[in-house]
Amino acid sequence: MGIKIPSIHNLLEDEERVRKVFKESGSVRKALRSAKYLTTHEVLRICAEEKLKILGYNIVNRSDAPRWIKDVGSPDIIAEKDGEFVLVEVKPSGQFKRYSATKAKFIIVTNVEEGGKVDIWGIRELEEI
């Protein structure tokens, strides 16, 4: 007995269900539970898109993004509001989840030039409107 691969139709239905659950409930956890085929990464991406829309951002297709964004790669989400662009990279992490359960502060160190330009959204931040 092999693994059943969902059809594009199944995936699109799943995406719409997750989007609807998040928009109606505001709950990332409910959105995660409603997904049948989508990965945690995809559910978090959908929730982030919906929050950005509530904050007044427009989601921009990569093909419509400015050249300077295309030149740096393919972020999961490109959003624009009043000429300001936001690039979103979704990175679910079991390690981060375990650390946050301790209630201790933890620091993420990365190779970005300026950490002050980086916001980290967890489940609570996605749900705060």
C-alpha atoms as a PDB file:
ATOM      1  CA  MET A   1       0.000   0.000   0.000  1.00  0.00           C
ATOM      2  CA  GLY A   2       1.621   3.241  -1.173  1.00  0.00           C
ATOM      3  CA  ILE A   3       1.344   6.776   0.007  1.00  0.00           C
ATOM      4  CA  LYS A   4      -1.549   8.673  -1.547  1.00  0.00           C
ATOM      5  CA  ILE A   5      -0.386  11.924  -3.068  1.00  0.00           C
ATOM      6  CA  PRO A   6      -3.000  14.696  -2.916  1.00  0.00           C
ATOM      7  CA  SER A   7      -4.174  16.223  -6.174  1.00  0.00           C
ATOM      8  CA  ILE A   8      -3.816  19.913  -6.971  1.00  0.00           C
ATOM      9  CA  HIS A   9      -7.554  20.150  -6.323  1.00  0.00           C
ATOM     10  CA  ASN A  10      -7.068  18.658  -2.829  1.00  0.00           C
ATOM     11  CA  LEU A  11      -4.235  21.080  -2.082  1.00  0.00           C
ATOM     12  CA  LEU A  12      -6.194  24.118  -3.272  1.00  0.00           C
ATOM     13  CA  GLU A  13      -9.220  23.069  -1.194  1.00  0.00           C
ATOM     14  CA  ASP A  14      -6.944  22.590   1.806  1.00  0.00           C
ATOM     15  CA  GLU A  15      -5.424  26.036   1.316  1.00  0.00           C
ATOM     16  CA  GLU A  16      -8.842  27.673   1.142  1.00  0.00           C
ATOM     17  CA  ARG A  17     -10.029  25.773   4.240  1.00  0.00           C
ATOM     18  CA  VAL A  18      -6.951  26.819   6.233  1.00  0.00           C
ATOM     19  CA  ARG A  19      -7.288  30.434   5.068  1.00  0.00           C
ATOM     20  CA  LYS A  20     -10.990  30.484   6.041  1.00  0.00           C
ATOM     21  CA  VAL A  21     -10.366  28.923   9.463  1.00  0.00           C
ATOM     22  CA  PHE A  22      -7.624  31.439  10.249  1.00  0.00           C
ATOM     23  CA  LYS A  23      -9.628  34.430   9.003  1.00  0.00           C
ATOM     24  CA  GLU A  24     -12.728  33.394  10.981  1.00  0.00           C
ATOM     25  CA  SER A  25     -11.052  32.233  14.185  1.00  0.00           C
ATOM     26  CA  GLY A  26      -7.771  34.148  14.243  1.00  0.00           C
ATOM     27  CA  SER A  27      -6.228  30.936  15.582  1.00  0.00           C
ATOM     28  CA  VAL A  28      -3.048  29.491  14.099  1.00  0.00           C
ATOM     29  CA  ARG A  29      -3.578  26.285  16.063  1.00  0.00           C
ATOM     30  CA  LYS A  30      -7.057  25.809  14.565  1.00  0.00           C
ATOM     31  CA  ALA A  31      -5.650  26.530  11.113  1.00  0.00           C
ATOM     32  CA  LEU A  32      -2.934  23.910  11.658  1.00  0.00           C
ATOM     33  CA  ARG A  33      -5.499  21.348  12.821  1.00  0.00           C
ATOM     34  CA  SER A  34      -7.735  22.030   9.813  1.00  0.00           C
ATOM     35  CA  ALA A  35      -4.995  21.201   7.295  1.00  0.00           C
ATOM     36  CA  LYS A  36      -5.273  17.762   5.740  1.00  0.00           C
ATOM     37  CA  TYR A  37      -2.431  17.943   3.217  1.00  0.00           C
ATOM     38  CA  LEU A  38      -0.550  21.190   3.760  1.00  0.00           C
ATOM     39  CA  THR A  39       2.691  21.298   5.708  1.00  0.00           C
ATOM     40  CA  THR A  40       3.239  23.437   8.796  1.00  0.00           C
ATOM     41  CA  HIS A  41       5.304  25.735   6.576  1.00  0.00           C
ATOM     42  CA  GLU A  42       2.380  26.291   4.195  1.00  0.00           C
ATOM     43  CA  VAL A  43      -0.139  26.873   6.999  1.00  0.00           C
ATOM     44  CA  LEU A  44       2.135  29.441   8.662  1.00  0.00           C
ATOM     45  CA  ARG A  45       2.665  31.129   5.281  1.00  0.00           C
ATOM     46  CA  ILE A  46      -1.103  31.421   4.793  1.00  0.00           C
ATOM     47  CA  CYS A  47      -1.580  32.833   8.304  1.00  0.00           C
ATOM     48  CA  ALA A  48       1.227  35.358   7.740  1.00  0.00           C
ATOM     49  CA  GLU A  49      -0.319  36.461   4.425  1.00  0.00           C
ATOM     50  CA  GLU A  50      -3.676  36.999   6.103  1.00  0.00           C
ATOM     51  CA  LYS A  51      -2.132  39.003   8.947  1.00  0.00           C
ATOM     52  CA  LEU A  52      -0.232  41.180   6.492  1.00  0.00           C
ATOM     53  CA  LYS A  53      -3.476  41.837   4.595  1.00  0.00           C
ATOM     54  CA  ILE A  54      -5.186  42.870   7.847  1.00  0.00           C
ATOM     55  CA  LEU A  55      -2.263  45.233   8.489  1.00  0.00           C
ATOM     56  CA  GLY A  56      -2.936  46.856   5.111  1.00  0.00           C
ATOM     57  CA  TYR A  57      -0.245  45.168   3.032  1.00  0.00           C
ATOM     58  CA  ASN A  58      -0.792  43.906  -0.499  1.00  0.00           C
ATOM     59  CA  ILE A  59       0.703  40.515  -1.335  1.00  0.00           C
ATOM     60  CA  VAL A  60       2.940  40.838  -4.390  1.00  0.00           C
ATOM     61  CA  ASN A  61       3.673  38.037  -6.853  1.00  0.00           C
ATOM     62  CA  ARG A  62       7.392  37.488  -7.318  1.00  0.00           C
ATOM     63  CA  SER A  63       7.006  38.185 -11.045  1.00  0.00           C
ATOM     64  CA  ASP A  64       5.612  41.652 -10.183  1.00  0.00           C
ATOM     65  CA  ALA A  65       8.248  42.461  -7.549  1.00  0.00           C
ATOM     66  CA  PRO A  66      10.959  45.049  -8.160  1.00  0.00           C
ATOM     67  CA  ARG A  67      14.205  43.804  -9.692  1.00  0.00           C
ATOM     68  CA  TRP A  68      16.140  44.452  -6.435  1.00  0.00           C
ATOM     69  CA  ILE A  69      13.925  41.898  -4.669  1.00  0.00           C
ATOM     70  CA  LYS A  70      14.153  39.355  -7.491  1.00  0.00           C
ATOM     71  CA  ASP A  71      17.930  39.707  -7.404  1.00  0.00           C
ATOM     72  CA  VAL A  72      18.165  38.548  -3.775  1.00  0.00           C
ATOM     73  CA  GLY A  73      16.099  35.383  -4.065  1.00  0.00           C
ATOM     74  CA  SER A  74      12.609  34.049  -3.557  1.00  0.00           C
ATOM     75  CA  PRO A  75      11.119  34.902  -0.171  1.00  0.00           C
ATOM     76  CA  ASP A  76       7.978  33.011   0.835  1.00  0.00           C
ATOM     77  CA  ILE A  77       5.966  36.247   0.841  1.00  0.00           C
ATOM     78  CA  ILE A  78       6.554  39.656  -0.693  1.00  0.00           C
ATOM     79  CA  ALA A  79       4.238  42.354   0.609  1.00  0.00           C
ATOM     80  CA  GLU A  80       3.969  46.085  -0.025  1.00  0.00           C
ATOM     81  CA  LYS A  81       2.279  48.941   1.788  1.00  0.00           C
ATOM     82  CA  ASP A  82       2.696  52.631   0.908  1.00  0.00           C
ATOM     83  CA  GLY A  83       5.842  51.881  -1.111  1.00  0.00           C
ATOM     84  CA  GLU A  84       7.467  49.900   1.703  1.00  0.00           C
ATOM     85  CA  PHE A  85       8.267  46.277   0.935  1.00  0.00           C
ATOM     86  CA  VAL A  86       8.391  43.457   3.449  1.00  0.00           C
ATOM     87  CA  LEU A  87      10.033  40.121   2.690  1.00  0.00           C
ATOM     88  CA  VAL A  88       8.840  37.141   4.707  1.00  0.00           C
ATOM     89  CA  GLU A  89      10.697  33.867   5.054  1.00  0.00           C
ATOM     90  CA  VAL A  90       8.717  31.164   6.894  1.00  0.00           C
ATOM     91  CA  LYS A  91      10.913  28.799   8.900  1.00  0.00           C
ATOM     92  CA  PRO A  92       9.058  26.457  11.252  1.00  0.00           C
ATOM     93  CA  SER A  93      11.496  24.945  13.711  1.00  0.00           C
ATOM     94  CA  GLY A  94      11.021  22.172  16.236  1.00  0.00           C
ATOM     95  CA  GLN A  95      14.098  23.465  18.030  1.00  0.00           C
ATOM     96  CA  PHE A  96      12.647  26.978  18.410  1.00  0.00           C
ATOM     97  CA  LYS A  97       9.330  25.514  19.555  1.00  0.00           C
ATOM     98  CA  ARG A  98      11.084  23.480  22.267  1.00  0.00           C
ATOM     99  CA  TYR A  99      13.049  26.506  23.431  1.00  0.00           C
ATOM    100  CA  SER A 100       9.949  28.702  23.639  1.00  0.00           C
ATOM    101  CA  ALA A 101       8.261  26.105  25.852  1.00  0.00           C
ATOM    102  CA  THR A 102      10.869  26.827  28.543  1.00  0.00           C
ATOM    103  CA  LYS A 103       9.646  30.436  28.921  1.00  0.00           C
ATOM    104  CA  ALA A 104      13.300  31.527  28.941  1.00  0.00           C
ATOM    105  CA  LYS A 105      14.389  34.225  26.529  1.00  0.00           C
ATOM    106  CA  PHE A 106      16.441  32.912  23.666  1.00  0.00           C
ATOM    107  CA  ILE A 107      18.420  34.689  20.997  1.00  0.00           C
ATOM    108  CA  ILE A 108      18.602  33.745  17.351  1.00  0.00           C
ATOM    109  CA  VAL A 109      21.959  34.546  15.785  1.00  0.00           C
ATOM    110  CA  THR A 110      22.164  34.728  12.020  1.00  0.00           C
ATOM    111  CA  ASN A 111      24.277  36.282   9.301  1.00  0.00           C
ATOM    112  CA  VAL A 112      22.017  39.236   8.430  1.00  0.00           C
ATOM    113  CA  GLU A 113      23.728  42.623   8.325  1.00  0.00           C
ATOM    114  CA  GLU A 114      21.292  44.353  10.691  1.00  0.00           C
ATOM    115  CA  GLY A 115      19.204  42.410  13.207  1.00  0.00           C
ATOM    116  CA  GLY A 116      17.099  45.481  14.005  1.00  0.00           C
ATOM    117  CA  LYS A 117      15.382  45.102  10.639  1.00  0.00           C
ATOM    118  CA  VAL A 118      14.312  41.535  11.476  1.00  0.00           C
ATOM    119  CA  ASP A 119      11.008  40.808  13.213  1.00  0.00           C
ATOM    120  CA  ILE A 120      10.184  37.345  14.458  1.00  0.00           C
ATOM    121  CA  TRP A 121       6.545  36.319  14.468  1.00  0.00           C
ATOM    122  CA  GLY A 122       5.544  33.327  16.484  1.00  0.00           C
ATOM    123  CA  ILE A 123       2.026  31.980  16.869  1.00  0.00           C
ATOM    124  CA  ARG A 124       1.105  34.741  19.341  1.00  0.00           C
ATOM    125  CA  GLU A 125       2.266  37.500  16.985  1.00  0.00           C
ATOM    126  CA  LEU A 126       0.375  35.960  14.072  1.00  0.00           C
ATOM    127  CA  GLU A 127      -2.785  35.929  16.155  1.00  0.00           C
ATOM    128  CA  GLU A 128      -2.447  39.507  17.488  1.00  0.00           C
ATOM    129  CA  ILE A 129      -4.390  41.899  15.329  1.00  0.00           C
END
